[in-house]
mmCIF file of all heavy atoms, coordinates in Angstrom:
data_MODEL
# 
_entry.id   MODEL 
# 
loop_
_atom_site.group_PDB 
_atom_site.id 
_atom_site.type_symbol 
_atom_site.label_atom_id 
_atom_site.label_alt_id 
_atom_site.label_comp_id 
_atom_site.label_asym_id 
_atom_site.label_entity_id 
_atom_site.label_seq_id 
_atom_site.pdbx_PDB_ins_code 
_atom_site.Cartn_x 
_atom_site.Cartn_y 
_atom_site.Cartn_z 
_atom_site.occupancy 
_atom_site.B_iso_or_equiv 
_atom_site.pdbx_formal_charge 
_atom_site.auth_seq_id 
_atom_site.auth_comp_id 
_atom_site.auth_asym_id 
_atom_site.auth_atom_id 
_atom_site.pdbx_PDB_model_num 
ATOM 1   N N   . SER A 1 1  ? -12.910 2.486  6.749   1.00 0.00 ? 1  SER A N   1 
ATOM 2   C CA  . SER A 1 1  ? -12.565 3.282  7.969   1.00 0.00 ? 1  SER A CA  1 
ATOM 3   C C   . SER A 1 1  ? -11.096 3.645  7.798   1.00 0.00 ? 1  SER A C   1 
ATOM 4   O O   . SER A 1 1  ? -10.315 2.971  6.790   1.00 0.00 ? 1  SER A O   1 
ATOM 5   C CB  . SER A 1 1  ? -12.733 2.426  9.256   1.00 0.00 ? 1  SER A CB  1 
ATOM 6   O OG  . SER A 1 1  ? -11.756 1.215  9.226   1.00 0.00 ? 1  SER A OG  1 
ATOM 7   N N   . GLN A 1 2  ? -10.594 4.442  8.598   1.00 0.00 ? 2  GLN A N   1 
ATOM 8   C CA  . GLN A 1 2  ? -9.185  4.936  8.400   1.00 0.00 ? 2  GLN A CA  1 
ATOM 9   C C   . GLN A 1 2  ? -8.264  3.742  8.638   1.00 0.00 ? 2  GLN A C   1 
ATOM 10  O O   . GLN A 1 2  ? -7.212  3.597  7.977   1.00 0.00 ? 2  GLN A O   1 
ATOM 11  C CB  . GLN A 1 2  ? -8.828  6.065  9.381   1.00 0.00 ? 2  GLN A CB  1 
ATOM 12  C CG  . GLN A 1 2  ? -7.379  6.450  9.274   1.00 0.00 ? 2  GLN A CG  1 
ATOM 13  C CD  . GLN A 1 2  ? -6.960  7.697  10.058  1.00 0.00 ? 2  GLN A CD  1 
ATOM 14  O OE1 . GLN A 1 2  ? -7.929  8.382  10.663  1.00 0.00 ? 2  GLN A OE1 1 
ATOM 15  N NE2 . GLN A 1 2  ? -5.811  8.074  10.187  1.00 0.00 ? 2  GLN A NE2 1 
ATOM 16  N N   . ASP A 1 3  ? -8.617  2.919  9.580   1.00 0.00 ? 3  ASP A N   1 
ATOM 17  C CA  . ASP A 1 3  ? -7.799  1.668  9.856   1.00 0.00 ? 3  ASP A CA  1 
ATOM 18  C C   . ASP A 1 3  ? -7.714  0.692  8.712   1.00 0.00 ? 3  ASP A C   1 
ATOM 19  O O   . ASP A 1 3  ? -6.704  0.211  8.361   1.00 0.00 ? 3  ASP A O   1 
ATOM 20  C CB  . ASP A 1 3  ? -8.259  1.004  11.098  1.00 0.00 ? 3  ASP A CB  1 
ATOM 21  C CG  . ASP A 1 3  ? -8.036  1.577  12.418  1.00 0.00 ? 3  ASP A CG  1 
ATOM 22  O OD1 . ASP A 1 3  ? -7.296  2.489  12.403  1.00 0.00 ? 3  ASP A OD1 1 
ATOM 23  O OD2 . ASP A 1 3  ? -8.672  1.263  13.485  1.00 0.00 ? 3  ASP A OD2 1 
ATOM 24  N N   . GLN A 1 4  ? -8.889  0.520  7.970   1.00 0.00 ? 4  GLN A N   1 
ATOM 25  C CA  . GLN A 1 4  ? -9.009  -0.264 6.772   1.00 0.00 ? 4  GLN A CA  1 
ATOM 26  C C   . GLN A 1 4  ? -8.195  0.295  5.697   1.00 0.00 ? 4  GLN A C   1 
ATOM 27  O O   . GLN A 1 4  ? -7.445  -0.469 5.015   1.00 0.00 ? 4  GLN A O   1 
ATOM 28  C CB  . GLN A 1 4  ? -10.423 -0.513 6.404   1.00 0.00 ? 4  GLN A CB  1 
ATOM 29  C CG  . GLN A 1 4  ? -11.252 -1.378 7.193   1.00 0.00 ? 4  GLN A CG  1 
ATOM 30  C CD  . GLN A 1 4  ? -12.808 -1.339 6.986   1.00 0.00 ? 4  GLN A CD  1 
ATOM 31  O OE1 . GLN A 1 4  ? -13.141 -0.161 6.632   1.00 0.00 ? 4  GLN A OE1 1 
ATOM 32  N NE2 . GLN A 1 4  ? -13.313 -2.399 7.049   1.00 0.00 ? 4  GLN A NE2 1 
ATOM 33  N N   . ARG A 1 5  ? -8.236  1.566  5.549   1.00 0.00 ? 5  ARG A N   1 
ATOM 34  C CA  . ARG A 1 5  ? -7.384  2.375  4.519   1.00 0.00 ? 5  ARG A CA  1 
ATOM 35  C C   . ARG A 1 5  ? -5.972  1.974  4.690   1.00 0.00 ? 5  ARG A C   1 
ATOM 36  O O   . ARG A 1 5  ? -5.067  1.681  3.841   1.00 0.00 ? 5  ARG A O   1 
ATOM 37  C CB  . ARG A 1 5  ? -7.785  3.771  4.419   1.00 0.00 ? 5  ARG A CB  1 
ATOM 38  C CG  . ARG A 1 5  ? -9.199  4.012  3.731   1.00 0.00 ? 5  ARG A CG  1 
ATOM 39  C CD  . ARG A 1 5  ? -9.331  5.493  3.408   1.00 0.00 ? 5  ARG A CD  1 
ATOM 40  N NE  . ARG A 1 5  ? -9.267  6.389  4.538   1.00 0.00 ? 5  ARG A NE  1 
ATOM 41  C CZ  . ARG A 1 5  ? -10.171 6.600  5.274   1.00 0.00 ? 5  ARG A CZ  1 
ATOM 42  N NH1 . ARG A 1 5  ? -11.439 6.152  5.186   1.00 0.00 ? 5  ARG A NH1 1 
ATOM 43  N NH2 . ARG A 1 5  ? -10.056 7.478  6.415   1.00 0.00 ? 5  ARG A NH2 1 
ATOM 44  N N   . GLU A 1 6  ? -5.510  2.348  5.992   1.00 0.00 ? 6  GLU A N   1 
ATOM 45  C CA  . GLU A 1 6  ? -4.098  2.262  6.326   1.00 0.00 ? 6  GLU A CA  1 
ATOM 46  C C   . GLU A 1 6  ? -3.639  0.802  6.122   1.00 0.00 ? 6  GLU A C   1 
ATOM 47  O O   . GLU A 1 6  ? -2.452  0.605  5.686   1.00 0.00 ? 6  GLU A O   1 
ATOM 48  C CB  . GLU A 1 6  ? -3.867  2.694  7.752   1.00 0.00 ? 6  GLU A CB  1 
ATOM 49  C CG  . GLU A 1 6  ? -4.030  4.168  7.931   1.00 0.00 ? 6  GLU A CG  1 
ATOM 50  C CD  . GLU A 1 6  ? -3.879  4.656  9.420   1.00 0.00 ? 6  GLU A CD  1 
ATOM 51  O OE1 . GLU A 1 6  ? -3.823  3.798  10.315  1.00 0.00 ? 6  GLU A OE1 1 
ATOM 52  O OE2 . GLU A 1 6  ? -3.959  5.909  9.661   1.00 0.00 ? 6  GLU A OE2 1 
ATOM 53  N N   . MET A 1 7  ? -4.376  -0.245 6.479   1.00 0.00 ? 7  MET A N   1 
ATOM 54  C CA  . MET A 1 7  ? -4.130  -1.605 6.220   1.00 0.00 ? 7  MET A CA  1 
ATOM 55  C C   . MET A 1 7  ? -3.930  -1.952 4.875   1.00 0.00 ? 7  MET A C   1 
ATOM 56  O O   . MET A 1 7  ? -2.803  -2.561 4.444   1.00 0.00 ? 7  MET A O   1 
ATOM 57  C CB  . MET A 1 7  ? -5.163  -2.469 6.949   1.00 0.00 ? 7  MET A CB  1 
ATOM 58  C CG  . MET A 1 7  ? -4.905  -4.010 6.842   1.00 0.00 ? 7  MET A CG  1 
ATOM 59  S SD  . MET A 1 7  ? -5.429  -4.816 5.357   1.00 0.00 ? 7  MET A SD  1 
ATOM 60  C CE  . MET A 1 7  ? -7.209  -4.386 5.196   1.00 0.00 ? 7  MET A CE  1 
ATOM 61  N N   . LEU A 1 8  ? -4.833  -1.501 4.109   1.00 0.00 ? 8  LEU A N   1 
ATOM 62  C CA  . LEU A 1 8  ? -4.709  -1.860 2.634   1.00 0.00 ? 8  LEU A CA  1 
ATOM 63  C C   . LEU A 1 8  ? -3.472  -1.126 1.925   1.00 0.00 ? 8  LEU A C   1 
ATOM 64  O O   . LEU A 1 8  ? -2.825  -1.664 1.110   1.00 0.00 ? 8  LEU A O   1 
ATOM 65  C CB  . LEU A 1 8  ? -6.078  -1.670 2.013   1.00 0.00 ? 8  LEU A CB  1 
ATOM 66  C CG  . LEU A 1 8  ? -6.101  -2.207 0.571   1.00 0.00 ? 8  LEU A CG  1 
ATOM 67  C CD1 . LEU A 1 8  ? -5.838  -3.768 0.429   1.00 0.00 ? 8  LEU A CD1 1 
ATOM 68  C CD2 . LEU A 1 8  ? -7.514  -1.966 -0.084  1.00 0.00 ? 8  LEU A CD2 1 
ATOM 69  N N   . VAL A 1 9  ? -3.463  0.158  2.241   1.00 0.00 ? 9  VAL A N   1 
ATOM 70  C CA  . VAL A 1 9  ? -2.245  0.837  1.640   1.00 0.00 ? 9  VAL A CA  1 
ATOM 71  C C   . VAL A 1 9  ? -1.015  0.112  2.031   1.00 0.00 ? 9  VAL A C   1 
ATOM 72  O O   . VAL A 1 9  ? -0.092  -0.058 1.159   1.00 0.00 ? 9  VAL A O   1 
ATOM 73  C CB  . VAL A 1 9  ? -2.251  2.360  2.088   1.00 0.00 ? 9  VAL A CB  1 
ATOM 74  C CG1 . VAL A 1 9  ? -0.923  3.050  1.816   1.00 0.00 ? 9  VAL A CG1 1 
ATOM 75  C CG2 . VAL A 1 9  ? -3.517  3.112  1.569   1.00 0.00 ? 9  VAL A CG2 1 
ATOM 76  N N   . LYS A 1 10 ? -0.714  -0.285 3.204   1.00 0.00 ? 10 LYS A N   1 
ATOM 77  C CA  . LYS A 1 10 ? 0.402   -0.901 3.721   1.00 0.00 ? 10 LYS A CA  1 
ATOM 78  C C   . LYS A 1 10 ? 0.557   -2.267 2.949   1.00 0.00 ? 10 LYS A C   1 
ATOM 79  O O   . LYS A 1 10 ? 1.684   -2.697 2.306   1.00 0.00 ? 10 LYS A O   1 
ATOM 80  C CB  . LYS A 1 10 ? 0.466   -1.167 5.250   1.00 0.00 ? 10 LYS A CB  1 
ATOM 81  C CG  . LYS A 1 10 ? 1.667   -1.813 5.691   1.00 0.00 ? 10 LYS A CG  1 
ATOM 82  C CD  . LYS A 1 10 ? 1.513   -1.914 7.255   1.00 0.00 ? 10 LYS A CD  1 
ATOM 83  C CE  . LYS A 1 10 ? 2.714   -2.719 7.784   1.00 0.00 ? 10 LYS A CE  1 
ATOM 84  N NZ  . LYS A 1 10 ? 2.534   -4.137 8.170   1.00 0.00 ? 10 LYS A NZ  1 
ATOM 85  N N   . GLU A 1 11 ? -0.565  -3.048 2.821   1.00 0.00 ? 11 GLU A N   1 
ATOM 86  C CA  . GLU A 1 11 ? -0.606  -4.420 2.218   1.00 0.00 ? 11 GLU A CA  1 
ATOM 87  C C   . GLU A 1 11 ? -0.177  -4.201 0.779   1.00 0.00 ? 11 GLU A C   1 
ATOM 88  O O   . GLU A 1 11 ? 0.496   -5.037 0.198   1.00 0.00 ? 11 GLU A O   1 
ATOM 89  C CB  . GLU A 1 11 ? -1.863  -5.145 2.382   1.00 0.00 ? 11 GLU A CB  1 
ATOM 90  C CG  . GLU A 1 11 ? -2.236  -5.465 3.801   1.00 0.00 ? 11 GLU A CG  1 
ATOM 91  C CD  . GLU A 1 11 ? -1.447  -6.878 4.141   1.00 0.00 ? 11 GLU A CD  1 
ATOM 92  O OE1 . GLU A 1 11 ? -0.943  -7.537 3.263   1.00 0.00 ? 11 GLU A OE1 1 
ATOM 93  O OE2 . GLU A 1 11 ? -1.592  -7.206 5.408   1.00 0.00 ? 11 GLU A OE2 1 
ATOM 94  N N   . MET A 1 12 ? -0.896  -3.216 0.153   1.00 0.00 ? 12 MET A N   1 
ATOM 95  C CA  . MET A 1 12 ? -0.624  -3.100 -1.237  1.00 0.00 ? 12 MET A CA  1 
ATOM 96  C C   . MET A 1 12 ? 0.850   -2.652 -1.488  1.00 0.00 ? 12 MET A C   1 
ATOM 97  O O   . MET A 1 12 ? 1.486   -3.173 -2.575  1.00 0.00 ? 12 MET A O   1 
ATOM 98  C CB  . MET A 1 12 ? -1.433  -1.948 -1.749  1.00 0.00 ? 12 MET A CB  1 
ATOM 99  C CG  . MET A 1 12 ? -2.850  -2.368 -2.236  1.00 0.00 ? 12 MET A CG  1 
ATOM 100 S SD  . MET A 1 12 ? -2.996  -3.568 -3.447  1.00 0.00 ? 12 MET A SD  1 
ATOM 101 C CE  . MET A 1 12 ? -2.254  -2.660 -4.843  1.00 0.00 ? 12 MET A CE  1 
ATOM 102 N N   . ALA A 1 13 ? 1.527   -1.876 -0.773  1.00 0.00 ? 13 ALA A N   1 
ATOM 103 C CA  . ALA A 1 13 ? 2.808   -1.507 -1.010  1.00 0.00 ? 13 ALA A CA  1 
ATOM 104 C C   . ALA A 1 13 ? 3.734   -2.751 -0.896  1.00 0.00 ? 13 ALA A C   1 
ATOM 105 O O   . ALA A 1 13 ? 4.616   -2.986 -1.737  1.00 0.00 ? 13 ALA A O   1 
ATOM 106 C CB  . ALA A 1 13 ? 3.356   -0.531 0.017   1.00 0.00 ? 13 ALA A CB  1 
ATOM 107 N N   . GLU A 1 14 ? 3.417   -3.708 0.032   1.00 0.00 ? 14 GLU A N   1 
ATOM 108 C CA  . GLU A 1 14 ? 4.122   -5.000 0.263   1.00 0.00 ? 14 GLU A CA  1 
ATOM 109 C C   . GLU A 1 14 ? 4.033   -5.822 -1.022  1.00 0.00 ? 14 GLU A C   1 
ATOM 110 O O   . GLU A 1 14 ? 4.903   -6.475 -1.481  1.00 0.00 ? 14 GLU A O   1 
ATOM 111 C CB  . GLU A 1 14 ? 3.837   -5.581 1.429   1.00 0.00 ? 14 GLU A CB  1 
ATOM 112 C CG  . GLU A 1 14 ? 4.360   -4.824 2.773   1.00 0.00 ? 14 GLU A CG  1 
ATOM 113 C CD  . GLU A 1 14 ? 3.769   -5.410 4.022   1.00 0.00 ? 14 GLU A CD  1 
ATOM 114 O OE1 . GLU A 1 14 ? 3.089   -6.363 4.138   1.00 0.00 ? 14 GLU A OE1 1 
ATOM 115 O OE2 . GLU A 1 14 ? 3.977   -4.795 5.128   1.00 0.00 ? 14 GLU A OE2 1 
ATOM 116 N N   . LEU A 1 15 ? 2.692   -5.994 -1.392  1.00 0.00 ? 15 LEU A N   1 
ATOM 117 C CA  . LEU A 1 15 ? 2.312   -6.898 -2.527  1.00 0.00 ? 15 LEU A CA  1 
ATOM 118 C C   . LEU A 1 15 ? 3.059   -6.397 -3.787  1.00 0.00 ? 15 LEU A C   1 
ATOM 119 O O   . LEU A 1 15 ? 3.629   -7.196 -4.517  1.00 0.00 ? 15 LEU A O   1 
ATOM 120 C CB  . LEU A 1 15 ? 0.789   -6.894 -2.692  1.00 0.00 ? 15 LEU A CB  1 
ATOM 121 C CG  . LEU A 1 15 ? 0.022   -7.676 -1.719  1.00 0.00 ? 15 LEU A CG  1 
ATOM 122 C CD1 . LEU A 1 15 ? -1.547  -7.555 -2.085  1.00 0.00 ? 15 LEU A CD1 1 
ATOM 123 C CD2 . LEU A 1 15 ? 0.322   -9.078 -1.561  1.00 0.00 ? 15 LEU A CD2 1 
ATOM 124 N N   . LEU A 1 16 ? 2.964   -5.184 -4.048  1.00 0.00 ? 16 LEU A N   1 
ATOM 125 C CA  . LEU A 1 16 ? 3.551   -4.566 -5.138  1.00 0.00 ? 16 LEU A CA  1 
ATOM 126 C C   . LEU A 1 16 ? 5.138   -4.674 -5.279  1.00 0.00 ? 16 LEU A C   1 
ATOM 127 O O   . LEU A 1 16 ? 5.623   -5.033 -6.351  1.00 0.00 ? 16 LEU A O   1 
ATOM 128 C CB  . LEU A 1 16 ? 3.228   -3.156 -5.293  1.00 0.00 ? 16 LEU A CB  1 
ATOM 129 C CG  . LEU A 1 16 ? 1.673   -2.803 -5.617  1.00 0.00 ? 16 LEU A CG  1 
ATOM 130 C CD1 . LEU A 1 16 ? 1.400   -1.360 -5.524  1.00 0.00 ? 16 LEU A CD1 1 
ATOM 131 C CD2 . LEU A 1 16 ? 1.275   -3.385 -7.080  1.00 0.00 ? 16 LEU A CD2 1 
ATOM 132 N N   . ALA A 1 17 ? 5.788   -4.691 -4.128  1.00 0.00 ? 17 ALA A N   1 
ATOM 133 C CA  . ALA A 1 17 ? 7.111   -4.957 -3.998  1.00 0.00 ? 17 ALA A CA  1 
ATOM 134 C C   . ALA A 1 17 ? 7.431   -6.478 -4.395  1.00 0.00 ? 17 ALA A C   1 
ATOM 135 O O   . ALA A 1 17 ? 8.472   -6.729 -5.087  1.00 0.00 ? 17 ALA A O   1 
ATOM 136 C CB  . ALA A 1 17 ? 7.803   -4.673 -2.679  1.00 0.00 ? 17 ALA A CB  1 
ATOM 137 N N   . ASN A 1 18 ? 6.449   -7.305 -4.003  1.00 0.00 ? 18 ASN A N   1 
ATOM 138 C CA  . ASN A 1 18 ? 6.794   -8.726 -4.403  1.00 0.00 ? 18 ASN A CA  1 
ATOM 139 C C   . ASN A 1 18 ? 6.596   -8.927 -5.865  1.00 0.00 ? 18 ASN A C   1 
ATOM 140 O O   . ASN A 1 18 ? 7.043   -9.973 -6.298  1.00 0.00 ? 18 ASN A O   1 
ATOM 141 C CB  . ASN A 1 18 ? 5.695   -9.593 -3.567  1.00 0.00 ? 18 ASN A CB  1 
ATOM 142 C CG  . ASN A 1 18 ? 6.005   -9.708 -2.151  1.00 0.00 ? 18 ASN A CG  1 
ATOM 143 O OD1 . ASN A 1 18 ? 7.259   -9.827 -1.804  1.00 0.00 ? 18 ASN A OD1 1 
ATOM 144 N ND2 . ASN A 1 18 ? 5.075   -9.845 -1.255  1.00 0.00 ? 18 ASN A ND2 1 
ATOM 145 N N   . VAL A 1 19 ? 5.977   -8.158 -6.572  1.00 0.00 ? 19 VAL A N   1 
ATOM 146 C CA  . VAL A 1 19 ? 5.815   -8.250 -8.010  1.00 0.00 ? 19 VAL A CA  1 
ATOM 147 C C   . VAL A 1 19 ? 6.707   -7.393 -8.771  1.00 0.00 ? 19 VAL A C   1 
ATOM 148 O O   . VAL A 1 19 ? 6.639   -7.143 -9.972  1.00 0.00 ? 19 VAL A O   1 
ATOM 149 C CB  . VAL A 1 19 ? 4.349   -8.144 -8.560  1.00 0.00 ? 19 VAL A CB  1 
ATOM 150 C CG1 . VAL A 1 19 ? 3.489   -9.102 -7.842  1.00 0.00 ? 19 VAL A CG1 1 
ATOM 151 C CG2 . VAL A 1 19 ? 3.723   -6.768 -8.338  1.00 0.00 ? 19 VAL A CG2 1 
ATOM 152 N N   . GLY A 1 20 ? 7.756   -6.732 -7.995  1.00 0.00 ? 20 GLY A N   1 
ATOM 153 C CA  . GLY A 1 20 ? 8.754   -5.960 -8.672  1.00 0.00 ? 20 GLY A CA  1 
ATOM 154 C C   . GLY A 1 20 ? 8.383   -4.489 -8.784  1.00 0.00 ? 20 GLY A C   1 
ATOM 155 O O   . GLY A 1 20 ? 9.041   -3.777 -9.595  1.00 0.00 ? 20 GLY A O   1 
ATOM 156 N N   . LEU A 1 21 ? 7.383   -4.049 -8.122  1.00 0.00 ? 21 LEU A N   1 
ATOM 157 C CA  . LEU A 1 21 ? 7.003   -2.617 -8.148  1.00 0.00 ? 21 LEU A CA  1 
ATOM 158 C C   . LEU A 1 21 ? 7.252   -1.931 -6.841  1.00 0.00 ? 21 LEU A C   1 
ATOM 159 O O   . LEU A 1 21 ? 6.486   -2.102 -5.914  1.00 0.00 ? 21 LEU A O   1 
ATOM 160 C CB  . LEU A 1 21 ? 5.510   -2.450 -8.553  1.00 0.00 ? 21 LEU A CB  1 
ATOM 161 C CG  . LEU A 1 21 ? 5.145   -2.977 -10.039 1.00 0.00 ? 21 LEU A CG  1 
ATOM 162 C CD1 . LEU A 1 21 ? 3.655   -3.095 -10.075 1.00 0.00 ? 21 LEU A CD1 1 
ATOM 163 C CD2 . LEU A 1 21 ? 5.778   -2.094 -11.060 1.00 0.00 ? 21 LEU A CD2 1 
ATOM 164 N N   . THR A 1 22 ? 8.307   -1.161 -6.787  1.00 0.00 ? 22 THR A N   1 
ATOM 165 C CA  . THR A 1 22 ? 8.517   -0.296 -5.479  1.00 0.00 ? 22 THR A CA  1 
ATOM 166 C C   . THR A 1 22 ? 7.838   1.064  -5.660  1.00 0.00 ? 22 THR A C   1 
ATOM 167 O O   . THR A 1 22 ? 8.073   1.769  -6.561  1.00 0.00 ? 22 THR A O   1 
ATOM 168 C CB  . THR A 1 22 ? 9.971   -0.123 -5.338  1.00 0.00 ? 22 THR A CB  1 
ATOM 169 O OG1 . THR A 1 22 ? 10.632  -1.502 -5.367  1.00 0.00 ? 22 THR A OG1 1 
ATOM 170 C CG2 . THR A 1 22 ? 10.372  0.519  -4.132  1.00 0.00 ? 22 THR A CG2 1 
ATOM 171 N N   . CYS A 1 23 ? 6.984   1.282  -4.719  1.00 0.00 ? 23 CYS A N   1 
ATOM 172 C CA  . CYS A 1 23 ? 6.335   2.572  -4.620  1.00 0.00 ? 23 CYS A CA  1 
ATOM 173 C C   . CYS A 1 23 ? 5.820   3.040  -3.305  1.00 0.00 ? 23 CYS A C   1 
ATOM 174 O O   . CYS A 1 23 ? 5.844   2.057  -2.414  1.00 0.00 ? 23 CYS A O   1 
ATOM 175 C CB  . CYS A 1 23 ? 5.124   2.600  -5.642  1.00 0.00 ? 23 CYS A CB  1 
ATOM 176 S SG  . CYS A 1 23 ? 3.990   1.293  -5.281  1.00 0.00 ? 23 CYS A SG  1 
ATOM 177 N N   . GLU A 1 24 ? 5.463   4.184  -3.076  1.00 0.00 ? 24 GLU A N   1 
ATOM 178 C CA  . GLU A 1 24 ? 4.975   4.702  -1.852  1.00 0.00 ? 24 GLU A CA  1 
ATOM 179 C C   . GLU A 1 24 ? 3.699   5.464  -2.118  1.00 0.00 ? 24 GLU A C   1 
ATOM 180 O O   . GLU A 1 24 ? 3.642   6.340  -3.038  1.00 0.00 ? 24 GLU A O   1 
ATOM 181 C CB  . GLU A 1 24 ? 6.028   5.677  -1.231  1.00 0.00 ? 24 GLU A CB  1 
ATOM 182 C CG  . GLU A 1 24 ? 5.541   6.054  0.206   1.00 0.00 ? 24 GLU A CG  1 
ATOM 183 C CD  . GLU A 1 24 ? 6.802   6.951  0.790   1.00 0.00 ? 24 GLU A CD  1 
ATOM 184 O OE1 . GLU A 1 24 ? 7.889   6.458  0.811   1.00 0.00 ? 24 GLU A OE1 1 
ATOM 185 O OE2 . GLU A 1 24 ? 6.487   7.965  1.336   1.00 0.00 ? 24 GLU A OE2 1 
ATOM 186 N N   . PHE A 1 25 ? 2.642   5.064  -1.462  1.00 0.00 ? 25 PHE A N   1 
ATOM 187 C CA  . PHE A 1 25 ? 1.256   5.792  -1.661  1.00 0.00 ? 25 PHE A CA  1 
ATOM 188 C C   . PHE A 1 25 ? 1.195   7.047  -0.745  1.00 0.00 ? 25 PHE A C   1 
ATOM 189 O O   . PHE A 1 25 ? 1.596   7.115  0.437   1.00 0.00 ? 25 PHE A O   1 
ATOM 190 C CB  . PHE A 1 25 ? 0.178   4.877  -1.275  1.00 0.00 ? 25 PHE A CB  1 
ATOM 191 C CG  . PHE A 1 25 ? -0.121  3.712  -2.196  1.00 0.00 ? 25 PHE A CG  1 
ATOM 192 C CD1 . PHE A 1 25 ? 0.567   2.546  -1.970  1.00 0.00 ? 25 PHE A CD1 1 
ATOM 193 C CD2 . PHE A 1 25 ? -0.730  3.879  -3.420  1.00 0.00 ? 25 PHE A CD2 1 
ATOM 194 C CE1 . PHE A 1 25 ? 0.455   1.377  -2.938  1.00 0.00 ? 25 PHE A CE1 1 
ATOM 195 C CE2 . PHE A 1 25 ? -0.978  2.887  -4.273  1.00 0.00 ? 25 PHE A CE2 1 
ATOM 196 C CZ  . PHE A 1 25 ? -0.470  1.652  -4.069  1.00 0.00 ? 25 PHE A CZ  1 
ATOM 197 N N   . ASP A 1 26 ? 0.572   8.015  -1.461  1.00 0.00 ? 26 ASP A N   1 
ATOM 198 C CA  . ASP A 1 26 ? 0.267   9.275  -0.681  1.00 0.00 ? 26 ASP A CA  1 
ATOM 199 C C   . ASP A 1 26 ? -1.169  9.608  -1.028  1.00 0.00 ? 26 ASP A C   1 
ATOM 200 O O   . ASP A 1 26 ? -1.632  9.447  -2.049  1.00 0.00 ? 26 ASP A O   1 
ATOM 201 C CB  . ASP A 1 26 ? 1.135   10.492 -1.377  1.00 0.00 ? 26 ASP A CB  1 
ATOM 202 C CG  . ASP A 1 26 ? 2.696   10.248 -1.040  1.00 0.00 ? 26 ASP A CG  1 
ATOM 203 O OD1 . ASP A 1 26 ? 2.930   10.100 0.112   1.00 0.00 ? 26 ASP A OD1 1 
ATOM 204 O OD2 . ASP A 1 26 ? 3.450   10.305 -2.012  1.00 0.00 ? 26 ASP A OD2 1 
ATOM 205 N N   . GLU A 1 27 ? -1.748  10.191 0.066   1.00 0.00 ? 27 GLU A N   1 
ATOM 206 C CA  . GLU A 1 27 ? -3.214  10.514 -0.138  1.00 0.00 ? 27 GLU A CA  1 
ATOM 207 C C   . GLU A 1 27 ? -3.290  11.802 -0.972  1.00 0.00 ? 27 GLU A C   1 
ATOM 208 O O   . GLU A 1 27 ? -2.555  12.731 -0.892  1.00 0.00 ? 27 GLU A O   1 
ATOM 209 C CB  . GLU A 1 27 ? -3.863  10.795 1.327   1.00 0.00 ? 27 GLU A CB  1 
ATOM 210 C CG  . GLU A 1 27 ? -5.374  10.982 1.289   1.00 0.00 ? 27 GLU A CG  1 
ATOM 211 C CD  . GLU A 1 27 ? -5.868  11.153 2.532   1.00 0.00 ? 27 GLU A CD  1 
ATOM 212 O OE1 . GLU A 1 27 ? -5.278  10.786 3.628   1.00 0.00 ? 27 GLU A OE1 1 
ATOM 213 O OE2 . GLU A 1 27 ? -7.078  11.475 2.624   1.00 0.00 ? 27 GLU A OE2 1 
ATOM 214 N N   . ASP A 1 28 ? -4.269  11.636 -1.937  1.00 0.00 ? 28 ASP A N   1 
ATOM 215 C CA  . ASP A 1 28 ? -4.455  12.712 -2.963  1.00 0.00 ? 28 ASP A CA  1 
ATOM 216 C C   . ASP A 1 28 ? -5.303  13.757 -2.407  1.00 0.00 ? 28 ASP A C   1 
ATOM 217 O O   . ASP A 1 28 ? -6.393  13.470 -1.817  1.00 0.00 ? 28 ASP A O   1 
ATOM 218 C CB  . ASP A 1 28 ? -4.973  12.086 -4.192  1.00 0.00 ? 28 ASP A CB  1 
ATOM 219 C CG  . ASP A 1 28 ? -4.986  13.218 -5.214  1.00 0.00 ? 28 ASP A CG  1 
ATOM 220 O OD1 . ASP A 1 28 ? -4.094  14.100 -5.330  1.00 0.00 ? 28 ASP A OD1 1 
ATOM 221 O OD2 . ASP A 1 28 ? -5.855  13.060 -6.223  1.00 0.00 ? 28 ASP A OD2 1 
# 
């Protein structure tokens, strides 16, 4: 669902920052 996508995109950005990867996701 859109809510699930938004949640995981947000979680992934936070997780990646914790491993030293700063990035921002954009829908392709």
